[in-house]
């Protein structure tokens, strides 16, 4: 059940228990003005079709709480506590007056993330930071790169598109084959105990050899530098223990059905056992859809080739940077070649802005023959050197252009750095795939909101430079940033 609020609250109407009013120049007040709450409220109300049940929290409260959490890096519990203590945060989520009670239970944050999924957050991000198609131009555009028809002019390409991919690591321990099998063995032993409990005294309890299996695992896990032969032997031992436990569970399931959670865990363990058995028999270390976490089976290893972390475990994302704003174009849990996403990303740019970009700035993996032909057909310049053997004599103009292209790619690397260092993009704490996707998309929305506030502040300083010069002299010109 959902009840749409009558109107969005004005800052002057917020009631405080003490004299005074909220300041209009507060960062949360400025950020709230950037968000189209009314449009979001209409789309949010469509999620609730029934008129029965408890009344859901408003869209502003749900989205505002998620923004506060990702902006400040709080946990769900800490987010609610900060909102309870701060009147600016309470106004930001749409409360009419200051209250000392918590506006909602921290457990509702999970439901907020499910309601504001990745697609909805991306749509809000585009609605705020993209002007949309603009066909009322001096050059009305048909499809870019095509020959203009009679009475029509060819589309002019505009803007720069910067594309790159990265990984959003999940909060899991570094997976090894022997540690995964040991965890699978322990979980199957716990399931056997739960299935045997109703039949205690009626049948003989299956033997699991858990003490022996634990000692064999620790003999390898605690060794400083175990040899490959010893590790392979320990993996074979754990595989046999897991196979025996799965056989006991199949016998116990004939009389007692496992719980829903245990059933899901058993499905993951059976698939994990098959994968580990296949790699053990084939003496390999790779398999399709490899499971690296029993509690989060959707996570896959993403080979990035970085010096610090050659392999990361999480979602792989492709991001595009348009006019300084970052947009999440693709998110996959399975590894993929980011070079294959260039054409779809350019088409997304066309759909968002109404025209193709003048140039696309990418790294070497995107410069395939197919992508180069596509960009040439649509009048797009793709950054980087030509394919094939490098020329002996390099034109100074091309060298200067290549240097400038390298500089233009820096902002997207900085975006990834800010997201992983200052926000939670470097370690996703959510457990479910849909909530993890919502958090990742929310990171880029929050970063764009912060960048817009910084841009507005720079414009304010630039418009009042004469005032600051009169007070601080010429030194103020060096301190005041220029608006891009």
Protein backbone atom coordinates (compact mmCIF):
# COMPACT_ATOMS: atom_id res chain seq x y z
CA UNK A 1 0.00 0.00 0.00
CA UNK A 2 1.27 3.48 -0.84
CA UNK A 3 0.03 7.00 -0.14
CA UNK A 4 1.51 9.76 -2.24
CA UNK A 5 2.54 12.84 -0.23
CA UNK A 6 0.59 16.02 -0.95
CA UNK A 7 3.57 18.24 -1.84
CA UNK A 8 7.31 18.41 -1.32
CA UNK A 9 8.23 20.35 1.80
CA UNK A 10 9.83 23.78 1.55
CA UNK A 11 12.82 24.47 3.77
CA UNK A 12 11.05 27.45 5.41
CA UNK A 13 8.16 25.20 6.50
CA UNK A 14 10.35 22.76 8.43
CA UNK A 15 9.55 23.03 12.15
CA UNK A 16 12.34 22.97 14.71
CA UNK A 17 11.94 22.43 18.48
CA UNK A 18 14.03 25.55 19.08
CA UNK A 19 14.02 29.02 17.57
CA UNK A 20 15.57 29.51 14.15
CA UNK A 21 15.39 28.10 10.65
CA UNK A 22 17.47 25.84 8.48
CA UNK A 23 20.13 27.56 6.40
CA UNK A 24 19.44 27.63 2.67
CA UNK A 25 23.15 27.34 1.82
CA UNK A 26 23.54 23.96 3.53
CA UNK A 27 24.92 21.21 1.26
CA UNK A 28 21.94 18.92 1.84
CA UNK A 29 19.52 21.71 0.97
CA UNK A 30 21.42 22.45 -2.26
CA UNK A 31 21.58 18.76 -3.15
CA UNK A 32 17.84 18.33 -2.61
CA UNK A 33 17.16 21.07 -5.16
CA UNK A 34 18.96 19.05 -7.85
CA UNK A 35 16.70 16.00 -7.51
CA UNK A 36 13.26 15.90 -9.23
CA UNK A 37 11.38 14.46 -6.27
CA UNK A 38 7.89 14.82 -7.82
CA UNK A 39 8.78 12.84 -10.94
CA UNK A 40 10.46 10.14 -8.87
CA UNK A 41 7.40 9.98 -6.60
CA UNK A 42 5.08 9.27 -9.56
CA UNK A 43 7.21 6.39 -10.82
CA UNK A 44 7.72 5.05 -7.29
CA UNK A 45 3.97 4.94 -6.62
CA UNK A 46 3.48 2.60 -9.60
CA UNK A 47 5.35 -0.15 -7.72
CA UNK A 48 2.46 -0.49 -5.26
CA UNK A 49 -0.65 -1.84 -6.97
CA UNK A 50 -2.61 -3.06 -3.93
CA UNK A 51 -4.41 -0.77 -1.49
CA UNK A 52 -4.06 -3.18 1.42
CA UNK A 53 -1.30 -3.73 3.94
CA UNK A 54 1.02 -1.34 5.72
CA UNK A 55 1.64 2.06 4.18
CA UNK A 56 5.05 2.19 2.50
CA UNK A 57 7.56 4.93 3.17
CA UNK A 58 7.60 7.81 0.66
CA UNK A 59 9.99 7.79 -2.28
CA UNK A 60 11.88 10.82 -0.95
CA UNK A 61 12.54 9.05 2.34
CA UNK A 62 13.71 5.87 0.61
CA UNK A 63 15.92 7.51 -2.00
CA UNK A 64 17.15 10.19 0.40
CA UNK A 65 18.27 7.58 2.94
CA UNK A 66 20.17 5.68 0.25
CA UNK A 67 21.91 8.88 -0.90
CA UNK A 68 22.90 9.76 2.67
CA UNK A 69 24.29 6.28 3.25
CA UNK A 70 26.45 6.26 0.12
CA UNK A 71 27.49 9.91 0.45
CA UNK A 72 28.80 9.50 4.01
CA UNK A 73 29.77 5.82 3.92
CA UNK A 74 27.53 4.85 6.84
CA UNK A 75 26.14 1.43 7.64
CA UNK A 76 22.37 0.95 7.60
CA UNK A 77 22.11 1.34 11.37
CA UNK A 78 24.40 4.37 11.46
CA UNK A 79 22.42 6.00 8.64
CA UNK A 80 19.22 5.87 10.68
CA UNK A 81 21.02 7.21 13.76
CA UNK A 82 22.50 10.13 11.83
CA UNK A 83 19.08 10.99 10.38
CA UNK A 84 17.55 10.85 13.85
CA UNK A 85 20.09 13.37 15.18
CA UNK A 86 20.40 15.79 12.24
CA UNK A 87 17.54 18.17 11.24
CA UNK A 88 19.07 18.79 7.79
CA UNK A 89 19.02 15.07 7.03
CA UNK A 90 15.45 14.82 8.27
CA UNK A 91 14.40 17.62 5.92
CA UNK A 92 16.36 15.94 3.12
CA UNK A 93 14.29 12.74 3.42
CA UNK A 94 11.04 14.74 3.50
CA UNK A 95 10.06 15.02 7.17
CA UNK A 96 7.95 18.06 8.08
CA UNK A 97 9.41 18.68 11.52
CA UNK A 98 12.31 17.58 13.67
CA UNK A 99 11.74 14.38 15.62
CA UNK A 100 13.90 12.44 18.05
CA UNK A 101 12.49 9.05 17.06
CA UNK A 102 13.95 7.06 14.19
CA UNK A 103 11.89 7.62 10.99
CA UNK A 104 12.14 3.94 10.03
CA UNK A 105 13.82 0.70 11.04
CA UNK A 106 17.33 0.05 9.60
CA UNK A 107 16.10 -3.25 8.13
CA UNK A 108 14.00 -1.26 5.64
CA UNK A 109 17.17 -0.10 3.89
CA UNK A 110 17.32 -3.50 2.17
CA UNK A 111 13.81 -2.98 0.78
CA UNK A 112 14.73 0.54 -0.32
CA UNK A 113 17.63 -0.86 -2.35
CA UNK A 114 15.39 -3.46 -3.93
CA UNK A 115 12.79 -0.84 -4.91
CA UNK A 116 15.42 1.52 -6.29
CA UNK A 117 17.22 -1.04 -8.40
CA UNK A 118 20.04 -0.40 -10.82
CA UNK A 119 17.77 0.50 -13.73
CA UNK A 120 15.75 3.03 -11.72
CA UNK A 121 18.86 4.66 -10.24
CA UNK A 122 20.44 4.91 -13.71
CA UNK A 123 17.24 6.52 -15.03
CA UNK A 124 17.32 9.09 -12.20
CA UNK A 125 21.00 9.76 -12.92
CA UNK A 126 20.28 10.45 -16.59
CA UNK A 127 17.20 12.53 -15.79
CA UNK A 128 19.22 14.87 -13.56
CA UNK A 129 22.49 15.21 -15.45
CA UNK A 130 21.57 14.81 -19.12
CA UNK A 131 19.62 17.43 -21.07
CA UNK A 132 18.09 14.76 -23.32
CA UNK A 133 17.57 14.89 -27.04
CA UNK A 134 17.64 18.33 -28.57
CA UNK A 135 16.27 18.25 -32.08
CA UNK A 136 15.40 21.98 -32.15
CA UNK A 137 18.79 22.91 -33.51
CA UNK A 138 20.14 24.77 -36.46
CA UNK A 139 21.11 21.35 -37.83
CA UNK A 140 18.16 18.99 -37.33
CA UNK A 141 19.67 15.50 -37.03
CA UNK A 142 18.64 12.31 -38.73
CA UNK A 143 20.80 9.28 -37.90
CA UNK A 144 24.43 10.39 -37.46
CA UNK A 145 26.87 9.36 -40.17
CA UNK A 146 24.17 8.61 -42.74
CA UNK A 147 23.70 10.51 -45.95
CA UNK A 148 21.25 13.39 -45.57
CA UNK A 149 18.02 13.15 -47.49
CA UNK A 150 16.30 15.85 -49.46
CA UNK A 151 15.61 18.92 -47.39
CA UNK A 152 17.56 17.52 -44.44
CA UNK A 153 20.99 18.33 -43.11
CA UNK A 154 23.51 15.85 -41.80
CA UNK A 155 23.87 15.49 -38.05
CA UNK A 156 26.83 17.24 -36.49
CA UNK A 157 28.71 15.16 -33.96
CA UNK A 158 29.19 16.88 -30.63
CA UNK A 159 31.03 16.31 -27.39
CA UNK A 160 33.58 13.86 -26.06
CA UNK A 161 32.79 10.37 -24.84
CA UNK A 162 35.20 8.70 -22.42
CA UNK A 163 34.74 4.96 -21.84
CA UNK A 164 36.44 2.53 -19.49
CA UNK A 165 35.71 -0.54 -17.37
CA UNK A 166 36.60 -1.61 -13.86
CA UNK A 167 35.63 -4.11 -11.18
CA UNK A 168 33.61 -3.42 -8.04
CA UNK A 169 35.04 -5.99 -5.58
CA UNK A 170 32.69 -7.75 -3.20
CA UNK A 171 33.31 -8.28 0.49
CA UNK A 172 34.52 -11.89 0.45
CA UNK A 173 37.73 -13.54 1.59
CA UNK A 174 40.28 -14.52 -1.02
CA UNK A 175 39.00 -17.85 -2.33
CA UNK A 176 41.23 -20.91 -2.61
CA UNK A 177 40.13 -24.38 -3.66
CA UNK A 178 40.95 -25.99 -0.33
CA UNK A 179 39.26 -23.25 1.74
CA UNK A 180 36.08 -23.47 -0.37
CA UNK A 181 35.95 -27.24 0.00
CA UNK A 182 36.54 -26.99 3.73
CA UNK A 183 33.67 -24.51 4.04
CA UNK A 184 31.45 -26.78 1.93
CA UNK A 185 32.33 -29.73 4.17
CA UNK A 186 31.49 -27.78 7.34
CA UNK A 187 28.16 -26.61 5.94
CA UNK A 188 27.17 -30.13 4.87
CA UNK A 189 28.01 -31.37 8.37
CA UNK A 190 25.69 -28.72 9.85
CA UNK A 191 22.91 -29.70 7.44
CA UNK A 192 23.34 -33.37 8.41
CA UNK A 193 22.97 -32.42 12.09
CA UNK A 194 19.74 -30.51 11.37
CA UNK A 195 18.27 -33.31 9.24
CA UNK A 196 19.18 -35.98 11.79
CA UNK A 197 17.78 -34.08 14.80
CA UNK A 198 14.07 -35.08 14.20
CA UNK A 199 15.13 -38.72 13.71
CA UNK A 200 17.43 -38.93 16.72
CA UNK A 201 17.12 -42.33 18.37
CA UNK A 202 15.25 -43.80 15.41
CA UNK A 203 18.20 -44.27 13.06
CA UNK A 204 21.97 -44.34 13.43
CA UNK A 205 23.65 -40.99 12.81
CA UNK A 206 25.84 -40.94 9.68
CA UNK A 207 29.58 -40.70 10.28
CA UNK A 208 31.16 -37.50 8.95
CA UNK A 209 34.78 -37.81 10.19
CA UNK A 210 34.74 -34.07 10.94
CA UNK A 211 37.64 -34.17 13.42
CA UNK A 212 39.87 -36.04 10.99
CA UNK A 213 38.87 -33.80 8.09
CA UNK A 214 39.57 -30.67 10.15
CA UNK A 215 43.07 -31.88 11.08
CA UNK A 216 43.89 -32.68 7.47
CA UNK A 217 42.76 -29.24 6.36
CA UNK A 218 44.72 -27.40 9.07
CA UNK A 219 47.89 -29.33 8.27
CA UNK A 220 47.93 -27.57 4.89
CA UNK A 221 46.24 -24.26 5.78
CA UNK A 222 48.69 -23.50 8.59
CA UNK A 223 51.82 -24.44 6.66
CA UNK A 224 53.88 -21.43 5.61
CA UNK A 225 54.60 -22.62 2.10
CA UNK A 226 52.76 -25.78 1.12
CA UNK A 227 53.98 -27.63 -1.97
CA UNK A 228 51.71 -28.24 -4.94
CA UNK A 229 51.75 -31.99 -4.35
CA UNK A 230 50.64 -31.53 -0.73
CA UNK A 231 47.87 -29.07 -1.73
CA UNK A 232 46.58 -31.44 -4.39
CA UNK A 233 46.49 -34.28 -1.87
CA UNK A 234 44.54 -32.13 0.62
CA UNK A 235 42.04 -31.09 -2.09
CA UNK A 236 41.43 -34.75 -2.95
CA UNK A 237 40.82 -35.54 0.72
CA UNK A 238 38.30 -32.71 1.13
CA UNK A 239 36.54 -33.73 -2.09
CA UNK A 240 36.00 -37.22 -0.70
CA UNK A 241 34.65 -35.84 2.59
CA UNK A 242 32.20 -33.58 0.76
CA UNK A 243 31.08 -36.42 -1.52
CA UNK A 244 30.42 -38.66 1.51
CA UNK A 245 28.41 -35.93 3.25
CA UNK A 246 26.32 -35.25 0.14
CA UNK A 247 25.50 -38.97 -0.02
CA UNK A 248 24.34 -38.96 3.61
CA UNK A 249 22.17 -35.90 2.95
CA UNK A 250 20.46 -37.62 0.02
CA UNK A 251 19.54 -40.53 2.31
CA UNK A 252 18.25 -38.24 5.08
CA UNK A 253 16.22 -36.17 2.61
CA UNK A 254 14.01 -39.18 1.89
CA UNK A 255 12.37 -38.79 5.31
CA UNK A 256 13.04 -35.16 6.32
CA UNK A 257 12.94 -32.24 3.89
CA UNK A 258 15.58 -29.54 4.39
CA UNK A 259 14.66 -25.91 4.90
CA UNK A 260 14.57 -23.47 2.01
CA UNK A 261 17.89 -21.93 3.01
CA UNK A 262 19.56 -25.33 3.37
CA UNK A 263 18.16 -26.38 0.00
CA UNK A 264 19.70 -23.34 -1.70
CA UNK A 265 23.02 -23.96 0.05
CA UNK A 266 22.99 -27.61 -1.08
CA UNK A 267 22.48 -26.59 -4.71
CA UNK A 268 25.52 -24.31 -4.52
CA UNK A 269 27.64 -26.97 -2.80
CA UNK A 270 26.73 -29.62 -5.37
CA UNK A 271 27.73 -27.29 -8.20
CA UNK A 272 30.91 -26.33 -6.35
CA UNK A 273 31.77 -30.02 -5.87
CA UNK A 274 31.27 -30.74 -9.58
CA UNK A 275 33.50 -27.82 -10.57
CA UNK A 276 36.25 -28.70 -8.10
CA UNK A 277 36.09 -32.37 -9.11
CA UNK A 278 36.39 -31.44 -12.78
CA UNK A 279 39.41 -29.20 -12.15
CA UNK A 280 40.99 -31.87 -9.92
CA UNK A 281 40.60 -34.59 -12.55
CA UNK A 282 41.76 -32.38 -15.43
CA UNK A 283 44.55 -30.74 -13.39
CA UNK A 284 43.31 -27.28 -14.37
CA UNK A 285 42.46 -24.08 -12.49
CA UNK A 286 39.64 -22.68 -14.60
CA UNK A 287 36.05 -23.65 -15.24
CA UNK A 288 32.97 -21.86 -16.59
CA UNK A 289 30.79 -19.99 -14.06
CA UNK A 290 33.29 -20.75 -11.33
CA UNK A 291 31.92 -20.37 -7.79
CA UNK A 292 34.24 -18.46 -5.46
CA UNK A 293 31.82 -17.90 -2.55
CA UNK A 294 29.18 -20.26 -1.19
CA UNK A 295 27.19 -17.47 0.47
CA UNK A 296 27.36 -15.30 -2.69
CA UNK A 297 27.43 -17.75 -5.63
CA UNK A 298 26.78 -14.98 -8.19
CA UNK A 299 30.29 -13.54 -7.73
CA UNK A 300 32.88 -14.46 -10.35
CA UNK A 301 36.66 -13.92 -10.64
CA UNK A 302 37.45 -10.90 -12.83
CA UNK A 303 40.98 -10.98 -14.25
CA UNK A 304 42.11 -7.36 -14.56
CA UNK A 305 45.89 -7.79 -14.80
CA UNK A 306 46.62 -5.04 -12.26
CA UNK A 307 49.86 -5.19 -10.29
CA UNK A 308 48.14 -4.78 -6.93
CA UNK A 309 45.32 -7.26 -7.61
CA UNK A 310 45.63 -9.32 -10.81
CA UNK A 311 42.28 -10.96 -10.09
CA UNK A 312 39.34 -9.28 -8.38
CA UNK A 313 36.08 -10.84 -7.27
CA UNK A 314 32.92 -8.88 -7.93
CA UNK A 315 30.90 -7.22 -10.66
CA UNK A 316 32.53 -5.88 -13.82
CA UNK A 317 31.16 -2.51 -14.87
CA UNK A 318 31.51 -0.32 -17.96
CA UNK A 319 31.24 3.43 -17.34
CA UNK A 320 31.04 6.40 -19.69
CA UNK A 321 31.93 9.98 -18.83
CA UNK A 322 29.88 12.74 -20.48
CA UNK A 323 30.58 16.40 -19.61
CA UNK A 324 32.18 15.33 -16.34
CA UNK A 325 29.24 13.12 -15.28
CA UNK A 326 29.63 9.35 -14.93
CA UNK A 327 26.98 6.91 -16.15
CA UNK A 328 26.82 3.16 -15.57
CA UNK A 329 26.37 1.55 -19.00
CA UNK A 330 26.80 -2.16 -18.26
CA UNK A 331 27.10 -4.38 -15.20
CA UNK A 332 27.80 -8.10 -15.45
CA UNK A 333 28.83 -10.65 -12.85
CA UNK A 334 30.43 -12.78 -15.54
CA UNK A 335 33.68 -11.54 -17.03
CA UNK A 336 33.46 -10.00 -20.52
CA UNK A 337 35.67 -8.19 -22.98
CA UNK A 338 35.05 -4.48 -22.52
CA UNK A 339 36.14 -3.83 -26.10
CA UNK A 340 32.87 -5.35 -27.30
CA UNK A 341 30.84 -2.67 -25.50
CA UNK A 342 32.06 0.37 -27.49
CA UNK A 343 29.33 0.26 -30.16
CA UNK A 344 26.52 -0.16 -27.63
CA UNK A 345 27.95 2.63 -25.47
CA UNK A 346 28.11 5.04 -28.42
CA UNK A 347 24.52 4.19 -29.29
CA UNK A 348 23.56 4.90 -25.67
CA UNK A 349 25.26 8.29 -26.02
CA UNK A 350 23.20 8.90 -29.17
CA UNK A 351 19.99 8.00 -27.34
CA UNK A 352 20.86 10.19 -24.36
CA UNK A 353 21.97 13.32 -26.19
CA UNK A 354 20.44 13.03 -29.67
CA UNK A 355 23.74 13.04 -31.59
CA UNK A 356 26.94 11.06 -31.91
CA UNK A 357 30.15 12.21 -30.18
CA UNK A 358 32.96 13.96 -32.00
CA UNK A 359 35.57 11.72 -30.39
CA UNK A 360 35.70 8.60 -28.26
CA UNK A 361 38.56 8.31 -25.77
CA UNK A 362 39.43 4.74 -24.85
CA UNK A 363 42.42 2.51 -24.12
CA UNK A 364 43.99 -0.04 -26.44
CA UNK A 365 41.55 -2.91 -25.79
CA UNK A 366 38.71 -0.95 -27.44
CA UNK A 367 40.65 -0.34 -30.65
CA UNK A 368 39.45 -3.36 -32.63
CA UNK A 369 38.92 -3.32 -36.39
CA UNK A 370 35.17 -3.58 -35.95
CA UNK A 371 35.05 -0.60 -33.57
CA UNK A 372 37.32 1.48 -35.81
CA UNK A 373 35.12 0.78 -38.85
CA UNK A 374 32.00 1.70 -36.87
CA UNK A 375 33.48 5.00 -35.66
CA UNK A 376 34.69 5.88 -39.15
CA UNK A 377 31.24 5.21 -40.63
CA UNK A 378 29.63 7.59 -38.13
CA UNK A 379 32.25 10.32 -38.34
CA UNK A 380 33.68 9.65 -34.88
CA UNK A 381 37.37 9.99 -34.13
CA UNK A 382 38.64 7.21 -31.87
CA UNK A 383 41.69 7.95 -29.77
CA UNK A 384 44.93 6.01 -29.96
CA UNK A 385 47.48 5.08 -32.62
CA UNK A 386 46.67 3.33 -35.87
CA UNK A 387 46.65 -0.45 -36.02
CA UNK A 388 49.64 -2.23 -37.46
CA UNK A 389 53.34 -1.44 -37.45
CA UNK A 390 54.12 2.03 -36.07
CA UNK A 391 55.51 4.50 -38.62
CA UNK A 392 59.19 5.46 -38.55
CA UNK A 393 58.42 9.17 -38.74
CA UNK A 394 55.65 10.44 -36.46
CA UNK A 395 53.84 13.61 -37.43
CA UNK A 396 54.23 16.22 -34.64
CA UNK A 397 50.53 17.05 -34.95
CA UNK A 398 49.52 13.42 -34.38
CA UNK A 399 51.93 13.16 -31.47
CA UNK A 400 50.42 16.23 -29.85
CA UNK A 401 46.89 14.92 -30.46
CA UNK A 402 47.79 11.54 -28.92
CA UNK A 403 49.15 13.33 -25.85
CA UNK A 404 45.95 15.36 -25.53
CA UNK A 405 43.84 12.19 -25.88
CA UNK A 406 45.80 10.63 -23.03
CA UNK A 407 45.07 13.68 -20.89
CA UNK A 408 41.37 13.52 -21.76
CA UNK A 409 41.18 9.95 -20.43
CA UNK A 410 42.46 10.95 -16.98
CA UNK A 411 39.05 12.06 -15.57
CA UNK A 412 37.48 8.61 -15.84
CA UNK A 413 40.45 7.04 -14.04
CA UNK A 414 39.99 9.71 -11.39
CA UNK A 415 36.31 8.84 -11.16
CA UNK A 416 37.17 5.21 -10.42
CA UNK A 417 39.74 6.32 -7.86
CA UNK A 418 37.30 8.62 -6.07
CA UNK A 419 34.61 5.95 -6.09
CA UNK A 420 36.90 3.32 -4.59
CA UNK A 421 38.76 5.55 -2.11
CA UNK A 422 36.10 8.02 -0.94
CA UNK A 423 32.97 5.92 -1.45
CA UNK A 424 32.15 2.22 -1.16
CA UNK A 425 32.84 1.27 -4.79
CA UNK A 426 36.07 -0.39 -3.65
CA UNK A 427 34.26 -2.89 -1.41
CA UNK A 428 30.59 -3.74 -1.92
CA UNK A 429 29.17 -4.93 1.40
CA UNK A 430 25.76 -6.09 0.13
CA UNK A 431 25.13 -9.82 -0.16
CA UNK A 432 22.34 -10.08 -2.74
CA UNK A 433 23.02 -9.43 -6.43
CA UNK A 434 20.14 -6.94 -6.83
CA UNK A 435 21.13 -4.91 -3.75
CA UNK A 436 24.77 -4.91 -4.85
CA UNK A 437 23.77 -3.59 -8.27
CA UNK A 438 21.69 -0.86 -6.60
CA UNK A 439 24.65 0.23 -4.44
CA UNK A 440 27.01 0.36 -7.42
CA UNK A 441 24.58 2.49 -9.44
CA UNK A 442 23.97 4.74 -6.42
CA UNK A 443 27.72 5.46 -6.20
CA UNK A 444 27.72 7.21 -9.57
CA UNK A 445 24.54 9.14 -8.77
CA UNK A 446 26.08 10.44 -5.53
CA UNK A 447 29.38 11.31 -7.21
CA UNK A 448 27.53 13.27 -9.90
CA UNK A 449 25.53 15.14 -7.26
CA UNK A 450 28.71 16.08 -5.38
CA UNK A 451 30.43 17.17 -8.61
CA UNK A 452 27.44 19.35 -9.51
CA UNK A 453 27.54 21.04 -6.10
CA UNK A 454 31.26 21.67 -6.54
CA UNK A 455 30.61 23.12 -9.99
CA UNK A 456 27.92 25.46 -8.64
CA UNK A 457 30.30 26.63 -5.92
CA UNK A 458 33.00 27.33 -8.53
CA UNK A 459 30.54 29.39 -10.57
CA UNK A 460 29.62 31.37 -7.47
CA UNK A 461 33.26 32.17 -6.77
CA UNK A 462 33.91 33.10 -10.38
CA UNK A 463 30.90 35.45 -10.50
CA UNK A 464 32.10 37.21 -7.33
CA UNK A 465 35.80 37.38 -8.20
CA UNK A 466 35.80 41.18 -8.16
CA UNK A 467 34.54 41.17 -4.57
CA UNK A 468 37.21 38.70 -3.45
CA UNK A 469 39.91 40.64 -5.31
CA UNK A 470 38.98 43.79 -3.47
CA UNK A 471 39.37 42.01 -0.14
CA UNK A 472 42.29 39.62 -0.71
CA UNK A 473 44.05 41.23 -3.66
CA UNK A 474 45.59 39.40 -6.59
CA UNK A 475 46.28 36.33 -4.49
CA UNK A 476 42.53 35.51 -4.64
CA UNK A 477 42.76 34.87 -8.38
CA UNK A 478 45.07 31.94 -7.76
CA UNK A 479 42.82 30.43 -5.08
CA UNK A 480 39.52 30.70 -6.94
CA UNK A 481 39.00 27.70 -9.27
CA UNK A 482 37.84 28.27 -12.80
CA UNK A 483 34.56 26.68 -13.87
CA UNK A 484 35.02 24.16 -16.64
